[in-house]
Amino acid sequence: MNATSAVRCRRAGFNPPLLILALALTGCLQPQQRAEEFSAASWPARREALQSLDHWSLQSRIALSTDEEGWSGTLTWRQDENYVDARFSGPLGVGGFRIEGVPERLELETSEGEHFVFTDPEAELAAELGWRVPLASMRYWMLGVADPQSGDAEETLDEHGRLEELEQRDWTVRYTSYRSFDGDTLPRKLVMENDDLRIRLAVDDWELGGPRL
C-alpha cells in the first residue's frame, strides 16, 4: 500500500485492524467428512479432499483481537474456486465491509462507501502495519487442513482422526469443536493465532456445492 493510499485510508476513518480481519478472511473455511468415516489412517486422503474443495458457503460469528484491542461481528462467506465474496457486519450493523475477488486482486468496500483495491494484500499490510498476515494459507487453515503450498506443517489429530491442532508459518490453529451439518462433520469452532493476532470463528451454518457466484 503506497503512502497516498494509507493517508486516504486513515482520513476515511477506516480502522486498519478491521482491514486485517477483512483480508485475513480470504482464507476461510471448508468442510470435513462424516464422523463415522474418521480415522488416523484415512487422514491423508481426507486432507487431499479438503484441499480440493472449492464451492461452498458459510455463515458464522467472528472475532479478532490484538494485545490492545478487539473486534467482533458476523461473517457470510461464499467461495467459488479462487473467487471469494465475503461480507462482514459489526455489532448493530456498524463497521461492515465486503471483500470480493481473487487472491491476486482483492477489492474491499466499506459500509461508508469507501473502496480499496489490493494487488498484493499480504505484502501491503505488512508494509503498512508491520504485521504479516498469511492470507493465502488461511483459506486452507480455516477449512481444517494445512496449506499445501506453504511448506512443512505439524499436524495433531484428535482421538477421532480429525485435525485438532496445526502449526505452519509461525501460526498455530486450534480446532476446538466439530459438528454435523446436513450429514457432514465440519469445523464448528477454531482459533488462529500468532504473536500479534488472534482470530476466532464460530460457524453457524454450512452449504456445500452451492450455486456459483
Protein backbone atom coordinates (compact mmCIF):
# COMPACT_ATOMS: atom_id res chain seq x y z
CA MET A 1 0.00 0.00 0.00
CA ASN A 2 1.56 3.33 -1.00
CA ALA A 3 1.65 6.43 1.19
CA THR A 4 -1.26 8.09 -0.64
CA SER A 5 -3.47 5.04 -0.14
CA ALA A 6 -2.53 4.84 3.54
CA VAL A 7 -3.42 8.51 4.11
CA ARG A 8 -6.71 8.08 2.30
CA CYS A 9 -7.48 5.05 4.43
CA ARG A 10 -6.87 6.93 7.65
CA ARG A 11 -8.80 10.04 6.57
CA ALA A 12 -11.77 7.87 5.69
CA GLY A 13 -11.81 6.63 9.27
CA PHE A 14 -11.26 3.02 8.25
CA ASN A 15 -9.74 1.04 11.11
CA PRO A 16 -6.57 -0.82 9.93
CA PRO A 17 -7.16 -3.81 12.25
CA LEU A 18 -10.58 -4.26 10.65
CA LEU A 19 -8.77 -4.29 7.32
CA ILE A 20 -6.57 -7.09 8.64
CA LEU A 21 -9.67 -9.01 9.64
CA ALA A 22 -11.22 -8.48 6.22
CA LEU A 23 -8.20 -9.65 4.29
CA ALA A 24 -7.36 -12.46 6.65
CA LEU A 25 -10.76 -13.91 5.86
CA THR A 26 -9.65 -14.63 2.28
CA GLY A 27 -8.53 -17.95 3.58
CA CYS A 28 -11.66 -19.16 5.22
CA LEU A 29 -13.30 -22.46 5.97
CA GLN A 30 -14.19 -25.65 4.18
CA PRO A 31 -15.79 -28.92 5.23
CA GLN A 32 -14.70 -32.30 6.51
CA GLN A 33 -16.17 -35.80 6.15
CA ARG A 34 -18.66 -37.65 8.30
CA ALA A 35 -17.55 -38.54 11.79
CA GLU A 36 -18.08 -42.28 11.34
CA GLU A 37 -15.53 -42.26 8.49
CA PHE A 38 -12.79 -40.55 10.51
CA SER A 39 -9.58 -42.37 11.44
CA ALA A 40 -5.90 -41.54 11.52
CA ALA A 41 -5.33 -43.93 8.62
CA SER A 42 -7.85 -42.11 6.42
CA TRP A 43 -6.47 -38.63 7.20
CA PRO A 44 -4.12 -38.31 4.15
CA ALA A 45 -6.97 -38.98 1.71
CA ARG A 46 -9.35 -36.73 3.64
CA ARG A 47 -6.74 -33.96 3.74
CA GLU A 48 -6.35 -34.12 -0.04
CA ALA A 49 -10.13 -33.97 -0.48
CA LEU A 50 -10.41 -30.92 1.76
CA GLN A 51 -7.67 -29.11 -0.11
CA SER A 52 -9.53 -29.63 -3.39
CA LEU A 53 -12.98 -28.40 -2.27
CA ASP A 54 -13.73 -25.03 -3.80
CA HIS A 55 -17.52 -24.41 -3.95
CA TRP A 56 -19.15 -23.68 -0.59
CA SER A 57 -20.65 -21.03 1.66
CA LEU A 58 -20.97 -20.44 5.40
CA GLN A 59 -22.47 -18.14 8.00
CA SER A 60 -20.54 -17.51 11.19
CA ARG A 61 -19.59 -15.25 14.06
CA ILE A 62 -16.05 -13.92 14.10
CA ALA A 63 -13.76 -12.05 16.49
CA LEU A 64 -10.28 -10.59 16.06
CA SER A 65 -8.03 -9.31 18.84
CA THR A 66 -4.57 -7.90 19.45
CA ASP A 67 -2.94 -7.08 22.78
CA GLU A 68 -4.61 -3.67 22.74
CA GLU A 69 -7.99 -4.02 21.04
CA GLY A 70 -10.67 -6.42 19.84
CA TRP A 71 -13.45 -6.55 17.22
CA SER A 72 -16.35 -8.91 16.58
CA GLY A 73 -19.23 -9.40 14.18
CA THR A 74 -20.85 -11.81 11.74
CA LEU A 75 -19.46 -13.20 8.52
CA THR A 76 -21.13 -14.57 5.39
CA TRP A 77 -18.63 -16.27 3.07
CA ARG A 78 -19.04 -17.73 -0.43
CA GLN A 79 -16.20 -19.49 -2.23
CA ASP A 80 -16.16 -20.33 -5.97
CA GLU A 81 -12.79 -21.84 -6.86
CA ASN A 82 -10.32 -18.97 -6.23
CA TYR A 83 -13.05 -16.31 -6.21
CA VAL A 84 -14.34 -15.17 -2.85
CA ASP A 85 -17.27 -13.00 -1.77
CA ALA A 86 -17.11 -12.26 1.97
CA ARG A 87 -19.39 -9.89 3.90
CA PHE A 88 -18.66 -8.74 7.44
CA SER A 89 -21.14 -6.91 9.65
CA GLY A 90 -20.17 -5.44 13.01
CA PRO A 91 -22.46 -5.12 16.04
CA LEU A 92 -25.76 -3.46 15.11
CA GLY A 93 -24.57 -3.30 11.51
CA VAL A 94 -21.78 -0.82 12.29
CA GLY A 95 -18.40 -1.12 10.58
CA GLY A 96 -19.43 -3.50 7.83
CA PHE A 97 -17.48 -4.26 4.69
CA ARG A 98 -17.41 -6.59 1.70
CA ILE A 99 -14.43 -8.28 0.05
CA GLU A 100 -14.51 -9.91 -3.35
CA GLY A 101 -12.02 -11.06 -5.93
CA VAL A 102 -9.13 -13.48 -6.28
CA PRO A 103 -6.00 -13.63 -4.09
CA GLU A 104 -4.01 -11.61 -6.62
CA ARG A 105 -6.56 -8.78 -6.69
CA LEU A 106 -8.98 -8.15 -3.85
CA GLU A 107 -11.49 -5.30 -3.69
CA LEU A 108 -12.81 -4.03 -0.38
CA GLU A 109 -15.85 -1.78 0.03
CA THR A 110 -16.86 -0.37 3.41
CA SER A 111 -20.38 0.37 4.61
CA GLU A 112 -19.46 4.07 4.25
CA GLY A 113 -18.86 3.60 0.51
CA GLU A 114 -15.06 3.69 0.58
CA HIS A 115 -13.38 1.44 -1.98
CA PHE A 116 -9.88 -0.11 -1.90
CA VAL A 117 -8.02 -2.40 -4.29
CA PHE A 118 -5.14 -4.65 -3.17
CA THR A 119 -2.94 -6.41 -5.70
CA ASP A 120 -0.58 -7.89 -3.08
CA PRO A 121 -2.61 -7.83 0.15
CA GLU A 122 -0.18 -9.67 2.41
CA ALA A 123 2.81 -7.51 1.47
CA GLU A 124 0.81 -4.27 1.54
CA LEU A 125 -0.49 -4.99 5.03
CA ALA A 126 2.99 -5.86 6.30
CA ALA A 127 4.39 -2.60 4.91
CA GLU A 128 1.54 -0.52 6.32
CA LEU A 129 1.05 -2.12 9.75
CA GLY A 130 4.13 -4.23 10.42
CA TRP A 131 2.02 -7.40 10.77
CA ARG A 132 2.48 -10.28 8.36
CA VAL A 133 -0.90 -11.94 7.78
CA PRO A 134 -0.65 -15.23 5.82
CA LEU A 135 -3.74 -14.65 3.73
CA ALA A 136 -3.29 -17.45 1.20
CA SER A 137 -2.68 -20.03 3.92
CA MET A 138 -5.72 -19.01 5.93
CA ARG A 139 -8.04 -20.30 3.26
CA TYR A 140 -6.79 -23.82 3.96
CA TRP A 141 -6.30 -23.46 7.70
CA MET A 142 -9.85 -22.40 8.28
CA LEU A 143 -11.27 -25.31 6.33
CA GLY A 144 -9.38 -27.67 8.62
CA VAL A 145 -6.27 -28.55 6.65
CA ALA A 146 -2.70 -27.34 6.09
CA ASP A 147 -1.81 -25.07 3.19
CA PRO A 148 -0.31 -27.43 0.58
CA GLN A 149 1.79 -24.62 -0.92
CA SER A 150 3.37 -23.28 2.28
CA GLY A 151 5.90 -25.93 3.18
CA ASP A 152 6.05 -28.27 6.14
CA ALA A 153 3.26 -28.31 8.70
CA GLU A 154 2.96 -30.02 12.07
CA GLU A 155 -0.43 -31.69 12.44
CA THR A 156 -2.02 -33.14 15.57
CA LEU A 157 -5.12 -35.33 15.21
CA ASP A 158 -7.75 -35.91 17.87
CA GLU A 159 -8.97 -39.32 19.01
CA HIS A 160 -11.43 -39.40 16.10
CA GLY A 161 -8.77 -38.79 13.46
CA ARG A 162 -9.77 -35.15 12.89
CA LEU A 163 -7.35 -32.25 12.84
CA GLU A 164 -7.03 -30.84 16.35
CA GLU A 165 -4.01 -28.53 16.03
CA LEU A 166 -1.92 -27.22 13.16
CA GLU A 167 1.37 -25.32 13.20
CA GLN A 168 2.56 -23.68 9.98
CA ARG A 169 4.31 -20.42 9.03
CA ASP A 170 4.73 -19.44 12.71
CA TRP A 171 0.98 -19.67 13.27
CA THR A 172 -0.98 -22.07 15.46
CA VAL A 173 -4.50 -23.14 14.54
CA ARG A 174 -6.65 -24.99 17.10
CA TYR A 175 -9.90 -26.73 16.21
CA THR A 176 -11.95 -26.77 19.40
CA SER A 177 -15.25 -28.11 18.10
CA TYR A 178 -16.73 -30.08 15.20
CA ARG A 179 -20.38 -30.55 14.33
CA SER A 180 -22.55 -32.36 11.80
CA PHE A 181 -24.09 -30.09 9.16
CA ASP A 182 -26.53 -31.99 6.91
CA GLY A 183 -24.60 -35.20 7.45
CA ASP A 184 -21.10 -33.76 7.04
CA THR A 185 -18.90 -33.24 10.10
CA LEU A 186 -17.31 -29.81 9.74
CA PRO A 187 -15.25 -27.41 11.89
CA ARG A 188 -17.58 -25.59 14.25
CA LYS A 189 -15.10 -23.51 16.30
CA LEU A 190 -11.45 -22.69 15.67
CA VAL A 191 -8.78 -20.25 16.77
CA MET A 192 -5.88 -18.95 14.66
CA GLU A 193 -3.12 -17.06 16.41
CA ASN A 194 0.47 -15.86 16.32
CA ASP A 195 2.37 -13.33 18.43
CA ASP A 196 0.36 -10.40 17.03
CA LEU A 197 -3.16 -11.55 16.18
CA ARG A 198 -5.85 -13.91 17.42
CA ILE A 199 -8.83 -14.79 15.21
CA ARG A 200 -11.77 -16.84 16.49
CA LEU A 201 -14.51 -18.28 14.32
CA ALA A 202 -17.80 -19.97 15.28
CA VAL A 203 -19.64 -21.38 12.27
CA ASP A 204 -23.44 -21.44 12.45
CA ASP A 205 -24.22 -22.93 9.04
CA TRP A 206 -22.50 -24.54 6.04
CA GLU A 207 -23.67 -25.13 2.48
CA LEU A 208 -21.65 -27.32 0.13
CA GLY A 209 -21.77 -27.26 -3.64
CA GLY A 210 -23.99 -24.17 -3.81
CA PRO A 211 -24.64 -22.13 -6.95
CA ARG A 212 -21.64 -20.43 -8.50
CA LEU A 213 -21.13 -16.72 -7.96
